[in-house]
Amino acid sequence: MNARLISALSVIAMAFAPGLASAAKTCDVKAYGATGDGATKDTAAIQKAIDDCAAAGGGTVVLAGAPVFVSGPLSLKSHITLSIAAGTTLAGSENHDDYPLIEELREHGRQPLLSSDHATDITINGGGAIDGRGQSWWPDRSAANKRPRLIVFRHSSHILMENVTVQNSPSWQIVPFNSTDLVFRNLKIYAPDRVSHNTDGIDPFSSSHVLIDHVTIDTGDDNVAIKSGQPNSPGGDEPSHDIVIRDSTFLHGHGLSVGSEVAGGVYNVLAERVHFKGTGTGVRIKSNRDRGNELKNLVYRDLTMEDVGTPILISEFYPKIPDVIDTQPVGRLTPRFSDITIENLSATGARQAAVIVGLPESPVSGLKLTNVHIKGDKGAVIKYAHMETKGFTVKAAQGHAYMTGPDVQDVNQEIK
């Protein structure tokens, strides 16, 4: 990793505080008829408060003075602050029919609890909670069960979320889609491990200039997943780029991921001072021949990991590395991983130290591991990767520290 890119991303991170104008109007949802009794659906009252504040040129919509406001989907508007007071929860309706079928992220989906569309200058804060109450959605993992995401910012800009708890989404929890200039700061994002399939924490999707700062994520899937296109995409996907993840804690979950859907490409990502504890994977870069593009200039530094299943997982085969690897022609969706730097990483209690497997037709290139020290049950599997190492040590309790031959059947594939 070159110093210029690190410096540029650090400057971006410092500049990422959206300067939201002081809101002139306050719209208390209880004044619009919301009850907050935890049973009555307050959707219409909350939406009316949002619309009135927006019509006045902007303002603060206040949820306070009651424990639980139940709502169906709400549309956020420009120049709005949604303030959910400490001790107050905005809870998603548990009636599946309240979430209409729509096109979401260029595929069939359902309307989220909170979303914006071509909006700007939005803040969500206040110290309270947003609870998707997705428990009834989780058991059915079939593709036919279109589960809504919890919060989606579509084609929006200058977004700030801070000092709130987000939890129990039916699916992905916070998703910027084709959006720019977003700050997620001092958040707690929760969903129960193993039970809540696909409850990713924050998924920047074809989005840019994103800061994730001082966030704790304990969830049932990727803690963070940077994406940019669906599998078998016909094209036209925007890349995700200029993203900083720093000073955060990842607990249960599948790790800090780039991919697997990256048909638009990903570049300029900096992750620093992140602590992982009990996470399935740590650094996770993943794609496949049906969903890839160029992934480059990814930097990970000053990471600590305790009892992480696989501290480093870089694979151009997702979800599973086959027993026999063949060579195929390079196509439009062939993943191309390059210029990846991992430095100052310390991991103990791993099950498998590392899995680094590129495609024979598109090997991982420009991978630099510096001052990386991993202790675990099994060693590192490395194939189809061009690496430069300095101070890279693996201590394996069983087997070889490094496996670089054609046999990759020892690869731990518990985490999908």
Protein backbone atom coordinates (compact mmCIF):
# COMPACT_ATOMS: atom_id res chain seq x y z
CA MET A 1 0.00 0.00 0.00
CA ASN A 2 1.43 3.36 -0.89
CA ALA A 3 1.45 6.23 1.59
CA ARG A 4 -0.36 8.57 -0.78
CA LEU A 5 -3.52 6.45 -0.84
CA ILE A 6 -3.56 6.09 2.96
CA SER A 7 -3.12 9.85 3.32
CA ALA A 8 -5.88 10.58 0.80
CA LEU A 9 -8.35 8.26 2.52
CA SER A 10 -7.48 9.71 5.93
CA VAL A 11 -8.21 13.21 4.66
CA ILE A 12 -11.51 11.97 3.21
CA ALA A 13 -12.45 10.47 6.58
CA MET A 14 -11.75 13.74 8.40
CA ALA A 15 -13.94 15.63 5.93
CA PHE A 16 -16.87 13.25 6.14
CA ALA A 17 -19.08 15.14 8.60
CA PRO A 18 -22.12 16.34 6.64
CA GLY A 19 -22.83 19.95 7.50
CA LEU A 20 -26.56 19.69 8.06
CA ALA A 21 -28.30 23.02 8.31
CA SER A 22 -29.86 23.90 11.62
CA ALA A 23 -33.41 22.57 11.46
CA ALA A 24 -35.91 25.40 11.86
CA LYS A 25 -39.05 23.32 12.37
CA THR A 26 -39.74 20.62 14.95
CA CYS A 27 -42.40 18.03 14.22
CA ASP A 28 -43.26 15.88 17.24
CA VAL A 29 -44.98 12.75 15.93
CA LYS A 30 -47.32 12.67 18.94
CA ALA A 31 -48.72 16.02 17.84
CA TYR A 32 -49.67 14.29 14.58
CA GLY A 33 -51.57 11.52 16.37
CA ALA A 34 -48.88 8.90 17.01
CA THR A 35 -49.55 6.92 20.18
CA GLY A 36 -46.25 5.15 20.84
CA ASP A 37 -48.14 2.46 22.73
CA GLY A 38 -46.27 -0.44 21.09
CA ALA A 39 -49.40 -1.85 19.47
CA THR A 40 -51.06 0.83 17.32
CA LYS A 41 -49.48 1.39 13.91
CA ASP A 42 -48.30 4.99 13.83
CA THR A 43 -47.18 4.91 10.19
CA ALA A 44 -49.50 7.66 8.90
CA ALA A 45 -48.74 10.04 11.78
CA ILE A 46 -44.96 9.65 11.49
CA GLN A 47 -45.02 10.04 7.71
CA LYS A 48 -47.19 13.17 8.06
CA ALA A 49 -44.64 14.66 10.45
CA ILE A 50 -41.82 13.91 7.98
CA ASP A 51 -43.77 15.43 5.10
CA ASP A 52 -44.67 18.58 7.03
CA CYS A 53 -41.10 19.19 8.11
CA ALA A 54 -39.89 18.66 4.55
CA ALA A 55 -42.52 21.03 3.18
CA ALA A 56 -41.27 23.71 5.56
CA GLY A 57 -37.79 23.43 4.07
CA GLY A 58 -36.46 21.01 6.63
CA GLY A 59 -36.67 20.21 10.30
CA THR A 60 -36.47 17.65 13.06
CA VAL A 61 -39.01 14.85 13.39
CA VAL A 62 -39.09 13.80 17.03
CA LEU A 63 -40.02 10.39 18.40
CA ALA A 64 -40.09 10.74 22.19
CA GLY A 65 -42.30 10.51 25.24
CA ALA A 66 -43.38 6.91 24.58
CA PRO A 67 -41.56 3.57 24.59
CA VAL A 68 -42.39 2.04 21.18
CA PHE A 69 -43.73 3.59 17.99
CA VAL A 70 -44.82 0.81 15.61
CA SER A 71 -44.70 1.61 11.92
CA GLY A 72 -44.77 0.24 8.43
CA PRO A 73 -42.43 1.64 5.74
CA LEU A 74 -41.56 5.34 5.95
CA SER A 75 -40.07 7.61 3.27
CA LEU A 76 -37.39 10.02 4.45
CA LYS A 77 -37.11 13.40 2.71
CA SER A 78 -34.37 15.95 2.15
CA HIS A 79 -33.22 18.21 5.01
CA ILE A 80 -34.82 16.03 7.67
CA THR A 81 -33.43 14.93 11.02
CA LEU A 82 -35.18 11.88 12.46
CA SER A 83 -34.51 12.07 16.19
CA ILE A 84 -35.40 8.96 18.18
CA ALA A 85 -34.97 9.75 21.85
CA ALA A 86 -33.08 7.53 24.26
CA GLY A 87 -35.47 4.96 25.69
CA THR A 88 -37.67 5.12 22.58
CA THR A 89 -37.83 2.53 19.80
CA LEU A 90 -39.10 2.82 16.25
CA ALA A 91 -40.32 -0.74 15.65
CA GLY A 92 -41.17 -2.28 12.31
CA SER A 93 -44.62 -3.74 11.81
CA GLU A 94 -44.67 -7.52 12.12
CA ASN A 95 -47.30 -7.82 9.38
CA HIS A 96 -45.46 -8.94 6.25
CA ASP A 97 -48.14 -7.44 4.01
CA ASP A 98 -47.21 -3.96 5.23
CA TYR A 99 -44.00 -4.15 3.15
CA PRO A 100 -44.96 -3.81 -0.54
CA LEU A 101 -43.08 -5.66 -3.25
CA ILE A 102 -40.80 -3.26 -5.14
CA GLU A 103 -37.63 -3.32 -7.21
CA GLU A 104 -34.78 -2.85 -4.75
CA LEU A 105 -31.04 -2.88 -5.57
CA ARG A 106 -31.86 -3.88 -9.16
CA GLU A 107 -33.75 -7.00 -8.08
CA HIS A 108 -37.14 -7.95 -6.67
CA GLY A 109 -37.54 -7.02 -3.03
CA ARG A 110 -39.75 -5.27 -0.49
CA GLN A 111 -39.95 -1.70 0.73
CA PRO A 112 -37.70 -1.14 3.78
CA LEU A 113 -38.87 0.28 7.08
CA LEU A 114 -36.88 3.48 6.39
CA SER A 115 -35.71 4.64 2.98
CA SER A 116 -34.79 7.72 1.01
CA ASP A 117 -34.86 8.20 -2.76
CA HIS A 118 -32.91 10.97 -4.51
CA ALA A 119 -32.75 12.88 -1.23
CA THR A 120 -30.02 14.88 0.50
CA ASP A 121 -29.13 16.13 3.97
CA ILE A 122 -30.64 13.45 6.19
CA THR A 123 -29.71 12.74 9.80
CA ILE A 124 -30.88 9.89 12.04
CA ASN A 125 -29.87 10.33 15.69
CA GLY A 126 -31.18 10.77 19.23
CA GLY A 127 -29.92 7.82 21.29
CA GLY A 128 -32.90 5.53 20.68
CA ALA A 129 -33.35 2.35 18.66
CA ILE A 130 -34.67 1.17 15.31
CA ASP A 131 -35.88 -2.42 15.61
CA GLY A 132 -36.92 -4.31 12.48
CA ARG A 133 -38.51 -7.10 14.54
CA GLY A 134 -37.49 -9.50 11.79
CA GLN A 135 -37.81 -12.71 13.80
CA SER A 136 -40.81 -13.95 11.82
CA TRP A 137 -38.92 -13.47 8.54
CA TRP A 138 -35.74 -15.35 9.45
CA PRO A 139 -36.79 -19.03 9.39
CA ASP A 140 -37.65 -19.02 5.66
CA ARG A 141 -34.34 -18.62 3.81
CA SER A 142 -35.74 -19.42 0.37
CA ALA A 143 -35.33 -17.01 -2.53
CA ALA A 144 -39.12 -16.80 -2.76
CA ASN A 145 -39.26 -15.18 0.68
CA LYS A 146 -38.50 -11.56 -0.24
CA ARG A 147 -37.36 -10.11 3.05
CA PRO A 148 -37.23 -6.32 3.39
CA ARG A 149 -34.03 -4.59 4.38
CA LEU A 150 -34.29 -2.22 7.32
CA ILE A 151 -32.78 1.10 6.16
CA VAL A 152 -31.92 1.91 2.52
CA PHE A 153 -30.59 5.21 1.19
CA ARG A 154 -31.14 5.20 -2.60
CA HIS A 155 -29.43 7.75 -4.86
CA SER A 156 -28.98 9.99 -1.84
CA SER A 157 -26.21 12.17 -0.42
CA HIS A 158 -25.00 13.85 2.76
CA ILE A 159 -26.34 11.23 5.16
CA LEU A 160 -25.45 11.05 8.85
CA MET A 161 -26.46 8.28 11.25
CA GLU A 162 -25.12 8.54 14.77
CA ASN A 163 -25.91 7.57 18.36
CA VAL A 164 -28.65 5.06 17.63
CA THR A 165 -29.06 1.30 17.91
CA VAL A 166 -30.17 -0.62 14.82
CA GLN A 167 -31.29 -4.20 15.30
CA ASN A 168 -33.19 -7.26 14.13
CA SER A 169 -33.71 -6.43 10.47
CA PRO A 170 -35.49 -9.06 8.38
CA SER A 171 -32.46 -8.84 6.05
CA TRP A 172 -29.56 -6.39 5.54
CA GLN A 173 -29.71 -3.66 8.15
CA ILE A 174 -28.22 -0.45 6.67
CA VAL A 175 -27.71 -0.13 2.90
CA PRO A 176 -26.47 2.92 0.99
CA PHE A 177 -27.30 2.26 -2.69
CA ASN A 178 -25.81 4.49 -5.39
CA SER A 179 -25.30 7.10 -2.70
CA THR A 180 -22.42 9.34 -1.65
CA ASP A 181 -21.11 11.22 1.39
CA LEU A 182 -22.40 9.05 4.21
CA VAL A 183 -21.28 8.88 7.84
CA PHE A 184 -22.20 6.04 10.20
CA ARG A 185 -20.80 6.94 13.61
CA ASN A 186 -21.25 5.71 17.17
CA LEU A 187 -23.77 3.06 16.20
CA LYS A 188 -24.66 -0.32 17.66
CA ILE A 189 -25.98 -2.87 15.18
CA TYR A 190 -27.34 -6.16 16.48
CA ALA A 191 -29.00 -9.36 15.31
CA PRO A 192 -28.68 -12.85 16.85
CA ASP A 193 -25.86 -14.99 15.49
CA ARG A 194 -26.75 -18.01 13.31
CA VAL A 195 -30.51 -17.48 13.62
CA SER A 196 -30.75 -14.26 11.61
CA HIS A 197 -29.44 -15.22 8.19
CA ASN A 198 -28.32 -12.30 5.91
CA THR A 199 -28.65 -9.63 8.60
CA ASP A 200 -25.52 -7.78 7.41
CA GLY A 201 -24.62 -4.72 9.46
CA ILE A 202 -23.71 -2.03 6.90
CA ASP A 203 -23.55 -2.77 3.15
CA PRO A 204 -22.32 0.11 0.97
CA PHE A 205 -23.63 -0.90 -2.48
CA SER A 206 -22.32 1.05 -5.48
CA SER A 207 -21.66 3.92 -3.07
CA SER A 208 -18.77 6.27 -2.41
CA HIS A 209 -17.21 8.48 0.24
CA VAL A 210 -18.47 6.43 3.16
CA LEU A 211 -17.17 6.63 6.73
CA ILE A 212 -17.94 3.88 9.26
CA ASP A 213 -16.54 5.09 12.58
CA HIS A 214 -16.80 3.79 16.15
CA VAL A 215 -19.44 1.20 15.27
CA THR A 216 -20.10 -2.05 17.15
CA ILE A 217 -21.62 -4.78 14.99
CA ASP A 218 -22.78 -8.15 16.37
CA THR A 219 -24.97 -9.83 13.79
CA GLY A 220 -25.88 -12.93 11.81
CA ASP A 221 -23.94 -12.29 8.59
CA ASP A 222 -21.32 -9.89 7.22
CA ASN A 223 -20.50 -7.19 9.73
CA VAL A 224 -19.74 -4.90 6.81
CA ALA A 225 -20.02 -5.92 3.13
CA ILE A 226 -18.96 -3.60 0.33
CA LYS A 227 -20.84 -4.47 -2.87
CA SER A 228 -21.42 -3.11 -6.37
CA GLY A 229 -23.63 -5.36 -8.50
CA GLN A 230 -25.78 -8.47 -8.56
CA PRO A 231 -24.63 -11.90 -9.80
CA ASN A 232 -24.85 -12.21 -13.59
CA SER A 233 -25.32 -8.47 -13.85
CA PRO A 234 -26.05 -7.22 -17.39
CA GLY A 235 -23.74 -4.26 -16.74
CA GLY A 236 -24.05 -0.61 -15.85
CA ASP A 237 -23.17 -1.05 -12.18
CA GLU A 238 -21.44 1.82 -10.41
CA PRO A 239 -18.35 0.98 -8.34
CA SER A 240 -18.05 1.39 -4.59
CA HIS A 241 -15.03 3.51 -3.68
CA ASP A 242 -13.37 5.76 -1.13
CA ILE A 243 -14.63 3.97 1.96
CA VAL A 244 -13.10 4.18 5.45
CA ILE A 245 -13.87 1.79 8.32
CA ARG A 246 -12.10 2.70 11.56
CA ASP A 247 -12.06 2.36 15.35
CA SER A 248 -14.82 -0.25 15.39
CA THR A 249 -15.61 -3.58 17.05
CA PHE A 250 -16.95 -6.59 15.18
CA LEU A 251 -18.31 -9.46 17.26
CA HIS A 252 -20.45 -12.29 15.81
CA GLY A 253 -20.75 -12.10 12.06
CA HIS A 254 -18.91 -13.07 8.90
CA GLY A 255 -16.34 -10.30 8.97
CA LEU A 256 -15.28 -7.16 7.17
CA SER A 257 -16.14 -8.14 3.62
CA VAL A 258 -15.66 -6.86 0.13
CA GLY A 259 -18.09 -8.80 -2.06
CA SER A 260 -19.28 -11.17 -3.05
CA GLU A 261 -21.38 -9.17 -5.57
CA VAL A 262 -18.91 -6.69 -7.09
CA ALA A 263 -19.86 -6.44 -10.77
CA GLY A 264 -19.22 -2.69 -10.64
CA GLY A 265 -15.83 -2.97 -8.96
CA VAL A 266 -14.44 -1.67 -5.66
CA TYR A 267 -11.44 0.58 -5.06
CA ASN A 268 -9.85 2.78 -2.39
CA VAL A 269 -10.88 1.12 0.87
CA LEU A 270 -9.12 1.74 4.18
CA ALA A 271 -9.87 -0.28 7.32
CA GLU A 272 -7.89 0.59 10.42
CA ARG A 273 -7.98 -0.03 14.16
CA VAL A 274 -10.75 -2.62 14.03
CA HIS A 275 -11.06 -5.25 16.76
CA PHE A 276 -12.64 -8.61 15.92
CA LYS A 277 -13.81 -11.00 18.65
CA GLY A 278 -15.57 -14.28 17.90
CA THR A 279 -16.15 -13.27 14.29
CA GLY A 280 -16.38 -15.96 11.59
CA THR A 281 -13.76 -14.25 9.43
CA GLY A 282 -11.72 -11.08 9.69
CA VAL A 283 -10.48 -9.60 6.43
CA ARG A 284 -12.78 -11.17 3.83
CA ILE A 285 -12.52 -10.44 0.10
CA LYS A 286 -14.78 -12.68 -1.98
CA SER A 287 -16.24 -13.00 -5.45
CA ASN A 288 -16.81 -15.52 -8.23
CA ARG A 289 -16.75 -15.78 -12.01
CA ASP A 290 -20.40 -14.70 -12.29
CA ARG A 291 -20.16 -11.49 -10.21
CA GLY A 292 -16.66 -10.04 -10.36
CA ASN A 293 -14.79 -6.98 -11.54
CA GLU A 294 -11.67 -5.09 -10.51
CA LEU A 295 -10.99 -4.83 -6.77
CA LYS A 296 -7.93 -2.71 -6.05
CA ASN A 297 -6.27 -0.43 -3.53
CA LEU A 298 -7.63 -2.13 -0.42
CA VAL A 299 -5.73 -1.38 2.81
CA TYR A 300 -6.15 -3.07 6.19
CA ARG A 301 -3.95 -2.00 9.09
CA ASP A 302 -3.76 -2.19 12.87
CA LEU A 303 -6.25 -5.03 13.27
CA THR A 304 -6.58 -7.29 16.32
CA MET A 305 -8.49 -10.57 16.31
CA GLU A 306 -9.51 -12.96 19.07
CA ASP A 307 -11.05 -16.37 18.31
CA VAL A 308 -11.79 -15.44 14.72
CA GLY A 309 -12.45 -18.48 12.53
CA THR A 310 -10.35 -17.39 9.52
CA PRO A 311 -8.51 -14.09 10.06
CA ILE A 312 -7.71 -13.65 6.34
CA LEU A 313 -10.00 -15.05 3.65
CA ILE A 314 -9.34 -13.89 0.08
CA SER A 315 -11.13 -16.04 -2.47
CA GLU A 316 -12.18 -15.66 -6.07
CA PHE A 317 -14.42 -18.71 -5.56
CA TYR A 318 -17.64 -17.96 -3.68
CA PRO A 319 -19.29 -19.57 -1.83
CA LYS A 320 -17.05 -22.66 -1.96
CA ILE A 321 -13.62 -23.45 -3.28
CA PRO A 322 -13.99 -26.60 -5.42
CA ASP A 323 -11.88 -29.70 -4.87
CA VAL A 324 -10.68 -29.48 -8.47
CA ILE A 325 -9.85 -26.05 -9.88
CA ASP A 326 -10.12 -25.61 -13.63
CA THR A 327 -9.10 -22.73 -15.87
CA GLN A 328 -11.74 -20.76 -17.72
CA PRO A 329 -11.58 -17.87 -20.20
CA VAL A 330 -11.43 -14.39 -18.73
CA GLY A 331 -14.79 -12.64 -19.19
CA ARG A 332 -16.53 -9.41 -18.26
CA LEU A 333 -17.44 -10.71 -14.79
CA THR A 334 -14.11 -12.37 -13.99
CA PRO A 335 -12.90 -11.07 -10.59
CA ARG A 336 -9.55 -9.27 -10.61
CA PHE A 337 -8.01 -8.66 -7.17
CA SER A 338 -4.93 -6.43 -6.97
CA ASP A 339 -3.00 -4.08 -4.71
CA ILE A 340 -4.18 -5.38 -1.35
CA THR A 341 -2.17 -4.42 1.74
CA ILE A 342 -2.56 -6.00 5.17
CA GLU A 343 -0.25 -4.69 7.86
CA ASN A 344 -0.01 -4.90 11.62
CA LEU A 345 -2.52 -7.71 12.11
CA SER A 346 -2.43 -9.90 15.21
CA ALA A 347 -4.74 -12.90 15.55
CA THR A 348 -5.00 -15.64 18.17
CA GLY A 349 -7.38 -18.57 18.55
CA ALA A 350 -8.08 -19.00 14.83
CA ARG A 351 -9.45 -22.21 13.32
CA GLN A 352 -7.68 -21.65 9.97
CA ALA A 353 -5.00 -18.97 9.75
CA ALA A 354 -5.68 -17.83 6.20
CA VAL A 355 -7.22 -18.85 2.90
CA ILE A 356 -5.89 -17.01 -0.15
CA VAL A 357 -7.04 -18.60 -3.40
CA GLY A 358 -7.26 -16.78 -6.71
CA LEU A 359 -8.42 -18.02 -10.10
CA PRO A 360 -5.86 -19.70 -12.32
CA GLU A 361 -6.87 -17.33 -15.13
CA SER A 362 -6.87 -14.31 -12.77
CA PRO A 363 -4.51 -14.72 -9.82
CA VAL A 364 -4.53 -12.36 -6.86
CA SER A 365 -1.76 -9.83 -7.53
CA GLY A 366 0.03 -7.17 -5.52
CA LEU A 367 -0.86 -8.71 -2.15
CA LYS A 368 1.40 -7.39 0.62
CA LEU A 369 1.42 -8.86 4.12
CA THR A 370 3.54 -6.92 6.61
CA ASN A 371 3.83 -7.63 10.32
CA VAL A 372 1.00 -10.18 10.19
CA HIS A 373 1.05 -12.77 12.98
CA ILE A 374 -1.59 -15.50 13.28
CA LYS A 375 -1.94 -18.40 15.72
CA GLY A 376 -4.55 -21.09 15.14
CA ASP A 377 -5.46 -24.74 14.69
CA LYS A 378 -4.65 -24.95 10.99
CA GLY A 379 -2.24 -23.06 8.79
CA ALA A 380 -2.59 -20.91 5.69
CA VAL A 381 -3.76 -22.16 2.29
CA ILE A 382 -2.31 -20.07 -0.54
CA LYS A 383 -2.85 -20.70 -4.25
CA TYR A 384 -2.88 -18.56 -7.41
CA ALA A 385 -1.64 -15.49 -5.54
CA HIS A 386 1.38 -13.24 -6.05
CA MET A 387 2.47 -12.08 -2.60
CA GLU A 388 5.11 -9.96 -0.97
CA THR A 389 5.59 -10.66 2.73
CA LYS A 390 7.61 -9.12 5.52
CA GLY A 391 7.11 -10.37 9.04
CA PHE A 392 4.34 -12.80 8.12
CA THR A 393 4.20 -15.65 10.65
CA VAL A 394 1.73 -18.49 11.10
CA LYS A 395 1.78 -20.88 14.06
CA ALA A 396 -0.46 -23.88 13.42
CA ALA A 397 -1.36 -26.41 16.14
CA GLN A 398 -1.78 -29.14 13.52
CA GLY A 399 -0.44 -29.72 10.02
CA HIS A 400 1.76 -27.36 8.05
CA ALA A 401 1.93 -23.63 8.66
CA TYR A 402 1.58 -23.02 4.90
CA MET A 403 -0.11 -25.13 2.22
CA THR A 404 0.59 -23.96 -1.30
CA GLY A 405 0.09 -27.08 -3.43
CA PRO A 406 -2.91 -28.04 -5.59
CA ASP A 407 -4.80 -29.79 -2.78
CA VAL A 408 -7.09 -27.24 -1.11
CA GLN A 409 -9.46 -29.72 0.50
CA ASP A 410 -8.35 -28.64 3.98
CA VAL A 411 -9.96 -25.24 3.50
CA ASN A 412 -12.45 -24.36 6.21
CA GLN A 413 -15.74 -23.56 4.48
CA GLU A 414 -18.05 -23.25 7.47
CA ILE A 415 -18.70 -19.57 6.82
CA LYS A 416 -20.67 -19.05 3.60
